[in-house]
Amino acid sequence: MKIAVYPGSFDPITNGHLKILYRSLSLFDKVIVLVANNPTKTPRFSVEDRVEMIKETVKDLPNVEVDFTDGLSIEYAKKVGATHLIRGLRAVSDFEYEFQLNSANNYIDNEIDMVFLMSSGNDSFINSSTIVDMYLNGVDVSDLVPAPVLDGLKKLL
């Protein structure tokens, strides 16, 4: 069984993230969406809330699991027997960070490959922070996030 881990802060998960997830399901037997608790970021949603929103969003996808970690994604992937980490790329600016992350992960374990999937053109501007800021300033973001996230955003107000 080919297992992949799709890590991210997912604060919150967006439709752009979901498109990457759906595409990865054609490549892997099982995908674990991993909410990585990044100590360098100040999240808007708790880890528990992010996990719950994602679980609700993917509840009809039998080959998707949702989990969280406070540690390194590569270590989590080793623990669950994953062969790949999935990463989405939106723009050239993402590449440098992802290249460095890939190099660091290869240093830790060069048997776990990173798979990079490009976002579609109309999703390239979407990131979680922008969506939250837009929502808090009265912009309708319902086309950019799944329903459970929209419900979570309403609670922020």
Foldseek 3Di string as FASTA:
>chain_A
DAEEEEEDQCLPPKVLNVVLVVVCVVVGQAYEHENEDDPVDDRPDDPVLRQVLVCVVCVVPPRYHYYYDPDDPLVVCVVVVHQEYEDEAQDPVVVVVVVVVQVVSCVVPVRRYYDYDYGDNVCSVDDSVVLLVCVVVPHDCPVIHDPSVVVVSVVSD
